[in-house]
Amino acid sequence: MLGHSADGYSFIIAAVTQCEPMGARAIVPCFDEPEYKAIWNVTIIHPVGTKAIANALELSETTWVMYLILNTSTTARRDDTAKLL
C-alpha cells in the first residue's frame, strides 16, 4: 500500500495483513482454527530512517549496512493474552 501525505511531499509504504477470521492459512502453512491459533516470530528488515511495526514485543533491533533488522517475540494466542494482562 502506498499513501501520500497532505503536504504532497512525503509518502507511506505499508505492508499489512488482515488474517481474521480465516486468512492466515493463505499466507502461512498452519491450522487456522480458533482452537489451533498459529503463533510465530516476526523479523522485519527495513531501511534506516523508516519505522517497522509488528503485533508483538520488540526483542532486538540490529543495524546491518543501511538496514535495520527488527526481531519480535512470539505472538501470543488470544486466550494467553488475557493471562498476560
PDB file of N, CA and C in Angstrom:
ATOM      1  N   MET A   1       0.848  -1.153   0.000  1.00  0.00           N
ATOM      2  CA  MET A   1       0.000   0.000   0.000  1.00  0.00           C
ATOM      3  C   MET A   1       0.903   1.229   0.000  1.00  0.00           C
ATOM      4  N   LEU A   2       0.606   2.179  -0.828  1.00  0.00           N
ATOM      5  CA  LEU A   2       1.374   3.420  -0.908  1.00  0.00           C
ATOM      6  C   LEU A   2       0.412   4.569  -0.667  1.00  0.00           C
ATOM      7  N   GLY A   3       0.727   5.414   0.298  1.00  0.00           N
ATOM      8  CA  GLY A   3      -0.134   6.548   0.597  1.00  0.00           C
ATOM      9  C   GLY A   3       0.658   7.838   0.578  1.00  0.00           C
ATOM     10  N   HIS A   4       0.042   8.899   0.134  1.00  0.00           N
ATOM     11  CA  HIS A   4       0.687  10.216   0.090  1.00  0.00           C
ATOM     12  C   HIS A   4       0.125  11.086   1.201  1.00  0.00           C
ATOM     13  N   SER A   5       0.955  11.961   1.749  1.00  0.00           N
ATOM     14  CA  SER A   5       0.513  12.850   2.812  1.00  0.00           C
ATOM     15  C   SER A   5      -0.156  14.091   2.233  1.00  0.00           C
ATOM     16  N   ALA A   6      -0.756  14.867   3.124  1.00  0.00           N
ATOM     17  CA  ALA A   6      -1.464  16.077   2.707  1.00  0.00           C
ATOM     18  C   ALA A   6      -0.526  17.125   2.120  1.00  0.00           C
ATOM     19  N   ASP A   7       0.749  17.132   2.558  1.00  0.00           N
ATOM     20  CA  ASP A   7       1.666  18.145   2.041  1.00  0.00           C
ATOM     21  C   ASP A   7       2.151  17.834   0.626  1.00  0.00           C
ATOM     22  N   GLY A   8       1.915  16.611   0.152  1.00  0.00           N
ATOM     23  CA  GLY A   8       2.292  16.242  -1.205  1.00  0.00           C
ATOM     24  C   GLY A   8       3.749  15.869  -1.389  1.00  0.00           C
ATOM     25  N   TYR A   9       4.547  15.910  -0.316  1.00  0.00           N
ATOM     26  CA  TYR A   9       5.977  15.633  -0.434  1.00  0.00           C
ATOM     27  C   TYR A   9       6.405  14.314   0.210  1.00  0.00           C
ATOM     28  N   SER A  10       5.685  13.863   1.202  1.00  0.00           N
ATOM     29  CA  SER A  10       6.062  12.620   1.870  1.00  0.00           C
ATOM     30  C   SER A  10       5.048  11.527   1.551  1.00  0.00           C
ATOM     31  N   PHE A  11       5.454  10.291   1.761  1.00  0.00           N
ATOM     32  CA  PHE A  11       4.557   9.179   1.477  1.00  0.00           C
ATOM     33  C   PHE A  11       4.786   8.055   2.476  1.00  0.00           C
ATOM     34  N   ILE A  12       3.849   7.138   2.516  1.00  0.00           N
ATOM     35  CA  ILE A  12       3.902   5.993   3.415  1.00  0.00           C
ATOM     36  C   ILE A  12       3.835   4.724   2.583  1.00  0.00           C
ATOM     37  N   ILE A  13       4.744   3.800   2.848  1.00  0.00           N
ATOM     38  CA  ILE A  13       4.688   2.474   2.244  1.00  0.00           C
ATOM     39  C   ILE A  13       4.323   1.514   3.366  1.00  0.00           C
ATOM     40  N   ALA A  14       3.277   0.736   3.187  1.00  0.00           N
ATOM     41  CA  ALA A  14       2.831  -0.177   4.235  1.00  0.00           C
ATOM     42  C   ALA A  14       2.534  -1.554   3.668  1.00  0.00           C
ATOM     43  N   ALA A  15       2.972  -2.570   4.374  1.00  0.00           N
ATOM     44  CA  ALA A  15       2.601  -3.951   4.071  1.00  0.00           C
ATOM     45  C   ALA A  15       1.760  -4.415   5.252  1.00  0.00           C
ATOM     46  N   VAL A  16       0.503  -4.672   5.026  1.00  0.00           N
ATOM     47  CA  VAL A  16      -0.412  -5.019   6.108  1.00  0.00           C
ATOM     48  C   VAL A  16      -1.142  -6.318   5.786  1.00  0.00           C
ATOM     49  N   THR A  17      -1.610  -6.979   6.829  1.00  0.00           N
ATOM     50  CA  THR A  17      -2.421  -8.184   6.656  1.00  0.00           C
ATOM     51  C   THR A  17      -3.655  -8.078   7.527  1.00  0.00           C
ATOM     52  N   GLN A  18      -4.684  -8.766   7.140  1.00  0.00           N
ATOM     53  CA  GLN A  18      -5.880  -8.930   7.955  1.00  0.00           C
ATOM     54  C   GLN A  18      -6.260 -10.390   7.810  1.00  0.00           C
ATOM     55  N   CYS A  19      -5.783 -11.212   8.709  1.00  0.00           N
ATOM     56  CA  CYS A  19      -5.928 -12.663   8.577  1.00  0.00           C
ATOM     57  C   CYS A  19      -7.157 -13.224   9.277  1.00  0.00           C
ATOM     58  N   GLU A  20      -7.937 -12.394   9.932  1.00  0.00           N
ATOM     59  CA  GLU A  20      -9.115 -12.917  10.612  1.00  0.00           C
ATOM     60  C   GLU A  20     -10.320 -12.832   9.694  1.00  0.00           C
ATOM     61  N   PRO A  21     -11.275 -13.723   9.702  1.00  0.00           N
ATOM     62  CA  PRO A  21     -11.305 -14.845  10.622  1.00  0.00           C
ATOM     63  C   PRO A  21     -10.505 -16.056  10.167  1.00  0.00           C
ATOM     64  N   MET A  22     -10.273 -16.238   8.856  1.00  0.00           N
ATOM     65  CA  MET A  22      -9.579 -17.452   8.419  1.00  0.00           C
ATOM     66  C   MET A  22      -8.542 -17.179   7.340  1.00  0.00           C
ATOM     67  N   GLY A  23      -7.871 -16.054   7.381  1.00  0.00           N
ATOM     68  CA  GLY A  23      -6.956 -15.693   6.310  1.00  0.00           C
ATOM     69  C   GLY A  23      -5.524 -16.160   6.461  1.00  0.00           C
ATOM     70  N   ALA A  24      -5.095 -16.532   7.677  1.00  0.00           N
ATOM     71  CA  ALA A  24      -3.691 -16.917   7.886  1.00  0.00           C
ATOM     72  C   ALA A  24      -3.303 -18.108   7.039  1.00  0.00           C
ATOM     73  N   ARG A  25      -4.232 -19.027   6.813  1.00  0.00           N
ATOM     74  CA  ARG A  25      -3.897 -20.222   6.019  1.00  0.00           C
ATOM     75  C   ARG A  25      -3.519 -19.872   4.587  1.00  0.00           C
ATOM     76  N   ALA A  26      -3.843 -18.673   4.138  1.00  0.00           N
ATOM     77  CA  ALA A  26      -3.487 -18.258   2.779  1.00  0.00           C
ATOM     78  C   ALA A  26      -2.032 -17.791   2.685  1.00  0.00           C
ATOM     79  N   ILE A  27      -1.419 -17.410   3.819  1.00  0.00           N
ATOM     80  CA  ILE A  27      -0.053 -16.884   3.760  1.00  0.00           C
ATOM     81  C   ILE A  27       0.971 -17.719   4.504  1.00  0.00           C
ATOM     82  N   VAL A  28       0.551 -18.554   5.455  1.00  0.00           N
ATOM     83  CA  VAL A  28       1.479 -19.430   6.177  1.00  0.00           C
ATOM     84  C   VAL A  28       0.859 -20.813   6.324  1.00  0.00           C
ATOM     85  N   PRO A  29       1.679 -21.862   6.300  1.00  0.00           N
ATOM     86  CA  PRO A  29       1.129 -23.205   6.496  1.00  0.00           C
ATOM     87  C   PRO A  29       0.751 -23.407   7.964  1.00  0.00           C
ATOM     88  N   CYS A  30      -0.547 -23.470   8.247  1.00  0.00           N
ATOM     89  CA  CYS A  30      -0.994 -23.620   9.627  1.00  0.00           C
ATOM     90  C   CYS A  30      -2.432 -24.112   9.660  1.00  0.00           C
ATOM     91  N   PHE A  31      -2.846 -24.573  10.832  1.00  0.00           N
ATOM     92  CA  PHE A  31      -4.252 -24.860  11.087  1.00  0.00           C
ATOM     93  C   PHE A  31      -4.834 -23.570  11.636  1.00  0.00           C
ATOM     94  N   ASP A  32      -5.559 -22.846  10.837  1.00  0.00           N
ATOM     95  CA  ASP A  32      -6.080 -21.537  11.239  1.00  0.00           C
ATOM     96  C   ASP A  32      -7.502 -21.698  11.758  1.00  0.00           C
ATOM     97  N   GLU A  33      -7.617 -22.308  12.902  1.00  0.00           N
ATOM     98  CA  GLU A  33      -8.892 -22.511  13.574  1.00  0.00           C
ATOM     99  C   GLU A  33      -8.748 -21.970  14.993  1.00  0.00           C
ATOM    100  N   PRO A  34      -9.854 -21.534  15.612  1.00  0.00           N
ATOM    101  CA  PRO A  34      -9.746 -20.933  16.951  1.00  0.00           C
ATOM    102  C   PRO A  34      -9.009 -21.791  17.978  1.00  0.00           C
ATOM    103  N   GLU A  35      -9.195 -23.103  17.935  1.00  0.00           N
ATOM    104  CA  GLU A  35      -8.520 -23.947  18.927  1.00  0.00           C
ATOM    105  C   GLU A  35      -7.064 -24.236  18.574  1.00  0.00           C
ATOM    106  N   TYR A  36      -6.641 -23.892  17.362  1.00  0.00           N
ATOM    107  CA  TYR A  36      -5.257 -24.100  16.924  1.00  0.00           C
ATOM    108  C   TYR A  36      -4.668 -22.793  16.398  1.00  0.00           C
ATOM    109  N   LYS A  37      -4.659 -21.753  17.198  1.00  0.00           N
ATOM    110  CA  LYS A  37      -4.166 -20.465  16.714  1.00  0.00           C
ATOM    111  C   LYS A  37      -2.678 -20.538  16.393  1.00  0.00           C
ATOM    112  N   ALA A  38      -2.321 -20.049  15.238  1.00  0.00           N
ATOM    113  CA  ALA A  38      -0.921 -20.043  14.808  1.00  0.00           C
ATOM    114  C   ALA A  38      -0.151 -18.975  15.586  1.00  0.00           C
ATOM    115  N   ILE A  39       1.051 -19.316  16.011  1.00  0.00           N
ATOM    116  CA  ILE A  39       1.935 -18.341  16.658  1.00  0.00           C
ATOM    117  C   ILE A  39       3.263 -18.356  15.917  1.00  0.00           C
ATOM    118  N   TRP A  40       3.934 -17.220  15.851  1.00  0.00           N
ATOM    119  CA  TRP A  40       5.221 -17.142  15.171  1.00  0.00           C
ATOM    120  C   TRP A  40       5.982 -15.912  15.608  1.00  0.00           C
ATOM    121  N   ASN A  41       7.241 -15.901  15.255  1.00  0.00           N
ATOM    122  CA  ASN A  41       8.090 -14.726  15.464  1.00  0.00           C
ATOM    123  C   ASN A  41       8.179 -13.977  14.143  1.00  0.00           C
ATOM    124  N   VAL A  42       8.401 -12.687  14.224  1.00  0.00           N
ATOM    125  CA  VAL A  42       8.482 -11.853  13.031  1.00  0.00           C
ATOM    126  C   VAL A  42       9.867 -11.210  12.971  1.00  0.00           C
ATOM    127  N   THR A  43      10.486 -11.234  11.800  1.00  0.00           N
ATOM    128  CA  THR A  43      11.717 -10.489  11.551  1.00  0.00           C
ATOM    129  C   THR A  43      11.457  -9.570  10.371  1.00  0.00           C
ATOM    130  N   ILE A  44      11.686  -8.284  10.557  1.00  0.00           N
ATOM    131  CA  ILE A  44      11.447  -7.289   9.508  1.00  0.00           C
ATOM    132  C   ILE A  44      12.776  -6.601   9.203  1.00  0.00           C
ATOM    133  N   ILE A  45      13.162  -6.596   7.945  1.00  0.00           N
ATOM    134  CA  ILE A  45      14.361  -5.876   7.510  1.00  0.00           C
ATOM    135  C   ILE A  45      13.882  -4.653   6.738  1.00  0.00           C
ATOM    136  N   HIS A  46      14.251  -3.476   7.211  1.00  0.00           N
ATOM    137  CA  HIS A  46      13.767  -2.240   6.589  1.00  0.00           C
ATOM    138  C   HIS A  46      14.879  -1.199   6.560  1.00  0.00           C
ATOM    139  N   PRO A  47      14.800  -0.244   5.627  1.00  0.00           N
ATOM    140  CA  PRO A  47      15.849   0.775   5.502  1.00  0.00           C
ATOM    141  C   PRO A  47      15.960   1.647   6.755  1.00  0.00           C
ATOM    142  N   VAL A  48      17.172   2.066   7.071  1.00  0.00           N
ATOM    143  CA  VAL A  48      17.399   3.009   8.163  1.00  0.00           C
ATOM    144  C   VAL A  48      16.587   4.269   7.867  1.00  0.00           C
ATOM    145  N   GLY A  49      15.953   4.828   8.878  1.00  0.00           N
ATOM    146  CA  GLY A  49      15.133   6.020   8.697  1.00  0.00           C
ATOM    147  C   GLY A  49      13.662   5.705   8.508  1.00  0.00           C
ATOM    148  N   THR A  50      13.321   4.422   8.392  1.00  0.00           N
ATOM    149  CA  THR A  50      11.918   4.021   8.300  1.00  0.00           C
ATOM    150  C   THR A  50      11.527   3.333   9.598  1.00  0.00           C
ATOM    151  N   LYS A  51      10.229   3.118   9.783  1.00  0.00           N
ATOM    152  CA  LYS A  51       9.728   2.527  11.014  1.00  0.00           C
ATOM    153  C   LYS A  51       9.029   1.216  10.699  1.00  0.00           C
ATOM    154  N   ALA A  52       9.313   0.177  11.477  1.00  0.00           N
ATOM    155  CA  ALA A  52       8.658  -1.120  11.330  1.00  0.00           C
ATOM    156  C   ALA A  52       7.818  -1.381  12.574  1.00  0.00           C
ATOM    157  N   ILE A  53       6.592  -1.848  12.373  1.00  0.00           N
ATOM    158  CA  ILE A  53       5.679  -2.126  13.477  1.00  0.00           C
ATOM    159  C   ILE A  53       5.139  -3.537  13.307  1.00  0.00           C
ATOM    160  N   ALA A  54       5.145  -4.316  14.382  1.00  0.00           N
ATOM    161  CA  ALA A  54       4.579  -5.666  14.371  1.00  0.00           C
ATOM    162  C   ALA A  54       3.652  -5.804  15.580  1.00  0.00           C
ATOM    163  N   ASN A  55       2.892  -6.889  15.623  1.00  0.00           N
ATOM    164  CA  ASN A  55       1.946  -7.069  16.724  1.00  0.00           C
ATOM    165  C   ASN A  55       2.536  -7.895  17.870  1.00  0.00           C
ATOM    166  N   ALA A  56       3.819  -7.767  18.106  1.00  0.00           N
ATOM    167  CA  ALA A  56       4.483  -8.457  19.208  1.00  0.00           C
ATOM    168  C   ALA A  56       5.563  -7.539  19.767  1.00  0.00           C
ATOM    169  N   LEU A  57       6.044  -7.862  20.943  1.00  0.00           N
ATOM    170  CA  LEU A  57       7.084  -7.042  21.557  1.00  0.00           C
ATOM    171  C   LEU A  57       8.389  -7.135  20.779  1.00  0.00           C
ATOM    172  N   GLU A  58       9.096  -6.023  20.704  1.00  0.00           N
ATOM    173  CA  GLU A  58      10.399  -5.998  20.029  1.00  0.00           C
ATOM    174  C   GLU A  58      11.446  -6.615  20.945  1.00  0.00           C
ATOM    175  N   LEU A  59      12.156  -7.621  20.446  1.00  0.00           N
ATOM    176  CA  LEU A  59      13.232  -8.248  21.218  1.00  0.00           C
ATOM    177  C   LEU A  59      14.566  -7.586  20.948  1.00  0.00           C
ATOM    178  N   SER A  60      14.823  -7.272  19.678  1.00  0.00           N
ATOM    179  CA  SER A  60      16.103  -6.656  19.333  1.00  0.00           C
ATOM    180  C   SER A  60      15.978  -5.905  18.020  1.00  0.00           C
ATOM    181  N   GLU A  61      16.884  -4.967  17.841  1.00  0.00           N
ATOM    182  CA  GLU A  61      16.988  -4.255  16.572  1.00  0.00           C
ATOM    183  C   GLU A  61      18.480  -4.101  16.290  1.00  0.00           C
ATOM    184  N   THR A  62      18.912  -4.582  15.142  1.00  0.00           N
ATOM    185  CA  THR A  62      20.317  -4.595  14.762  1.00  0.00           C
ATOM    186  C   THR A  62      20.502  -3.808  13.478  1.00  0.00           C
ATOM    187  N   THR A  63      21.560  -3.025  13.386  1.00  0.00           N
ATOM    188  CA  THR A  63      21.862  -2.307  12.150  1.00  0.00           C
ATOM    189  C   THR A  63      22.761  -3.172  11.282  1.00  0.00           C
ATOM    190  N   TRP A  64      22.410  -3.281  10.017  1.00  0.00           N
ATOM    191  CA  TRP A  64      23.192  -4.055   9.048  1.00  0.00           C
ATOM    192  C   TRP A  64      23.305  -3.214   7.787  1.00  0.00           C
ATOM    193  N   VAL A  65      24.486  -2.708   7.495  1.00  0.00           N
ATOM    194  CA  VAL A  65      24.759  -1.809   6.373  1.00  0.00           C
ATOM    195  C   VAL A  65      23.780  -0.639   6.459  1.00  0.00           C
ATOM    196  N   MET A  66      22.840  -0.518   5.537  1.00  0.00           N
ATOM    197  CA  MET A  66      21.874   0.584   5.551  1.00  0.00           C
ATOM    198  C   MET A  66      20.488   0.116   5.988  1.00  0.00           C
ATOM    199  N   TYR A  67      20.423  -1.031   6.668  1.00  0.00           N
ATOM    200  CA  TYR A  67      19.133  -1.591   7.056  1.00  0.00           C
ATOM    201  C   TYR A  67      19.097  -1.874   8.547  1.00  0.00           C
ATOM    202  N   LEU A  68      17.896  -1.897   9.094  1.00  0.00           N
ATOM    203  CA  LEU A  68      17.675  -2.311  10.473  1.00  0.00           C
ATOM    204  C   LEU A  68      16.984  -3.664  10.430  1.00  0.00           C
ATOM    205  N   ILE A  69      17.354  -4.547  11.336  1.00  0.00           N
ATOM    206  CA  ILE A  69      16.718  -5.854  11.437  1.00  0.00           C
ATOM    207  C   ILE A  69      15.982  -5.884  12.767  1.00  0.00           C
ATOM    208  N   LEU A  70      14.670  -5.976  12.720  1.00  0.00           N
ATOM    209  CA  LEU A  70      13.819  -5.976  13.906  1.00  0.00           C
ATOM    210  C   LEU A  70      13.348  -7.398  14.169  1.00  0.00           C
ATOM    211  N   ASN A  71      13.620  -7.919  15.357  1.00  0.00           N
ATOM    212  CA  ASN A  71      13.152  -9.242  15.757  1.00  0.00           C
ATOM    213  C   ASN A  71      12.126  -9.082  16.865  1.00  0.00           C
ATOM    214  N   THR A  72      11.022  -9.821  16.773  1.00  0.00           N
ATOM    215  CA  THR A  72       9.967  -9.726  17.777  1.00  0.00           C
ATOM    216  C   THR A  72       9.867 -11.009  18.578  1.00  0.00           C
ATOM    217  N   SER A  73       9.147 -10.904  19.691  1.00  0.00           N
ATOM    218  CA  SER A  73       8.847 -12.087  20.486  1.00  0.00           C
ATOM    219  C   SER A  73       7.774 -12.901  19.768  1.00  0.00           C
ATOM    220  N   THR A  74       7.511 -14.085  20.270  1.00  0.00           N
ATOM    221  CA  THR A  74       6.462 -14.922  19.695  1.00  0.00           C
ATOM    222  C   THR A  74       5.118 -14.274  19.964  1.00  0.00           C
ATOM    223  N   THR A  75       4.256 -14.267  18.962  1.00  0.00           N
ATOM    224  CA  THR A  75       2.922 -13.710  19.147  1.00  0.00           C
ATOM    225  C   THR A  75       2.160 -14.578  20.134  1.00  0.00           C
ATOM    226  N   ALA A  76       1.324 -13.963  20.935  1.00  0.00           N
ATOM    227  CA  ALA A  76       0.558 -14.698  21.943  1.00  0.00           C
ATOM    228  C   ALA A  76      -0.755 -15.196  21.364  1.00  0.00           C
ATOM    229  N   ARG A  77      -1.180 -16.355  21.850  1.00  0.00           N
ATOM    230  CA  ARG A  77      -2.517 -16.834  21.495  1.00  0.00           C
ATOM    231  C   ARG A  77      -3.519 -15.914  22.166  1.00  0.00           C
ATOM    232  N   ARG A  78      -4.684 -15.795  21.604  1.00  0.00           N
ATOM    233  CA  ARG A  78      -5.683 -14.883  22.144  1.00  0.00           C
ATOM    234  C   ARG A  78      -6.034 -15.227  23.591  1.00  0.00           C
ATOM    235  N   ASP A  79      -6.203 -16.505  23.929  1.00  0.00           N
ATOM    236  CA  ASP A  79      -6.541 -16.874  25.302  1.00  0.00           C
ATOM    237  C   ASP A  79      -5.365 -16.659  26.254  1.00  0.00           C
ATOM    238  N   ASP A  80      -4.124 -16.678  25.741  1.00  0.00           N
ATOM    239  CA  ASP A  80      -2.951 -16.409  26.569  1.00  0.00           C
ATOM    240  C   ASP A  80      -2.781 -14.922  26.840  1.00  0.00           C
ATOM    241  N   THR A  81      -3.291 -14.079  25.956  1.00  0.00           N
ATOM    242  CA  THR A  81      -3.146 -12.635  26.113  1.00  0.00           C
ATOM    243  C   THR A  81      -3.814 -12.166  27.396  1.00  0.00           C
ATOM    244  N   ALA A  82      -4.986 -12.691  27.701  1.00  0.00           N
ATOM    245  CA  ALA A  82      -5.700 -12.293  28.915  1.00  0.00           C
ATOM    246  C   ALA A  82      -4.897 -12.644  30.161  1.00  0.00           C
ATOM    247  N   LYS A  83      -4.157 -13.738  30.126  1.00  0.00           N
ATOM    248  CA  LYS A  83      -3.346 -14.145  31.270  1.00  0.00           C
ATOM    249  C   LYS A  83      -2.168 -13.194  31.471  1.00  0.00           C
ATOM    250  N   LEU A  84      -1.685 -12.572  30.378  1.00  0.00           N
ATOM    251  CA  LEU A  84      -0.545 -11.662  30.470  1.00  0.00           C
ATOM    252  C   LEU A  84      -0.918 -10.324  31.085  1.00  0.00           C
ATOM    253  N   LEU A  85      -2.187  -9.934  30.978  1.00  0.00           N
ATOM    254  CA  LEU A  85      -2.622  -8.615  31.453  1.00  0.00           C
ATOM    255  C   LEU A  85      -2.821  -8.554  32.936  1.00  0.00           C
TER     256      LEU A  85
END
